[in-house]
Protein backbone atom coordinates (compact mmCIF):
# COMPACT_ATOMS: atom_id res chain seq x y z
CA MET A 1 -10.38 -18.61 7.99
CA THR A 2 -9.37 -15.03 8.70
CA ILE A 3 -5.91 -14.24 10.03
CA LYS A 4 -5.17 -10.91 11.68
CA PRO A 5 -2.02 -9.99 13.62
CA ASN A 6 -2.02 -12.20 16.75
CA ILE A 7 -5.65 -13.20 16.12
CA VAL A 8 -6.93 -16.21 14.22
CA ILE A 9 -10.64 -16.53 13.51
CA ILE A 10 -11.80 -19.82 12.06
CA ILE A 11 -15.05 -19.59 10.15
CA ALA A 12 -17.11 -22.61 9.09
CA ASP A 13 -19.76 -21.61 6.60
CA ASP A 14 -22.46 -23.84 5.16
CA LEU A 15 -22.59 -22.45 1.64
CA LYS A 16 -25.37 -24.79 0.54
CA ASN A 17 -27.82 -23.84 3.30
CA ASP A 18 -26.41 -20.38 4.06
CA PRO A 19 -25.10 -18.94 0.76
CA GLN A 20 -24.85 -15.43 2.21
CA GLU A 21 -22.51 -16.73 4.93
CA LEU A 22 -24.52 -15.17 7.76
CA TYR A 23 -23.90 -17.90 10.34
CA ASN A 24 -20.56 -19.20 11.55
CA ARG A 25 -20.95 -22.88 12.45
CA ILE A 26 -17.52 -23.31 14.01
CA ASP A 27 -19.06 -23.93 17.46
CA ASP A 28 -21.64 -26.37 16.12
CA PRO A 29 -21.23 -29.69 18.02
CA ASP A 30 -21.78 -31.57 14.75
CA LEU A 31 -18.59 -29.99 13.40
CA SER A 32 -16.38 -30.56 16.44
CA GLU A 33 -14.24 -33.16 14.66
CA VAL A 34 -13.72 -30.87 11.66
CA ARG A 35 -12.96 -27.90 13.94
CA ASN A 36 -10.39 -29.86 15.94
CA HIS A 37 -8.75 -31.13 12.75
CA LEU A 38 -8.49 -27.59 11.32
CA ARG A 39 -7.05 -26.23 14.55
CA GLU A 40 -4.46 -28.99 14.68
CA ARG A 41 -3.48 -28.39 11.03
CA LEU A 42 -3.18 -24.67 11.69
CA LEU A 43 -1.01 -25.32 14.75
CA GLN A 44 1.23 -27.71 12.79
CA TRP A 45 1.63 -25.15 10.01
CA TYR A 46 2.37 -22.37 12.48
CA LEU A 47 4.95 -24.40 14.37
CA SER A 48 6.66 -25.66 11.24
CA THR A 49 6.94 -22.17 9.75
CA SER A 50 7.63 -20.24 12.93
CA ASP A 51 10.95 -18.87 13.99
CA ASN A 52 11.29 -21.28 16.90
CA PRO A 53 13.90 -23.99 16.18
CA LEU A 54 12.97 -25.97 19.31
CA TRP A 55 9.29 -26.45 18.46
CA GLU A 56 9.74 -30.18 17.76
CA TYR A 57 10.93 -30.70 21.32
CA GLU A 58 8.24 -28.56 22.91
CA ARG A 59 5.27 -30.39 21.40
CA ASP A 60 5.03 -33.88 20.04
CA ILE A 61 3.29 -33.51 16.68
């Protein structure tokens, strides 16, 4: 995962079959469950560490 100011790029590499990391598999339908889990974890981390004290009331996590 690469984080830049205001931009988050999630990268899913298959190091066994693509050791040079040439292909990002994040949009692969076979990885949709993993992708959704990672996005949810990232959102939870962001909300819990952000400067917004009302985040618990804005989204039920």
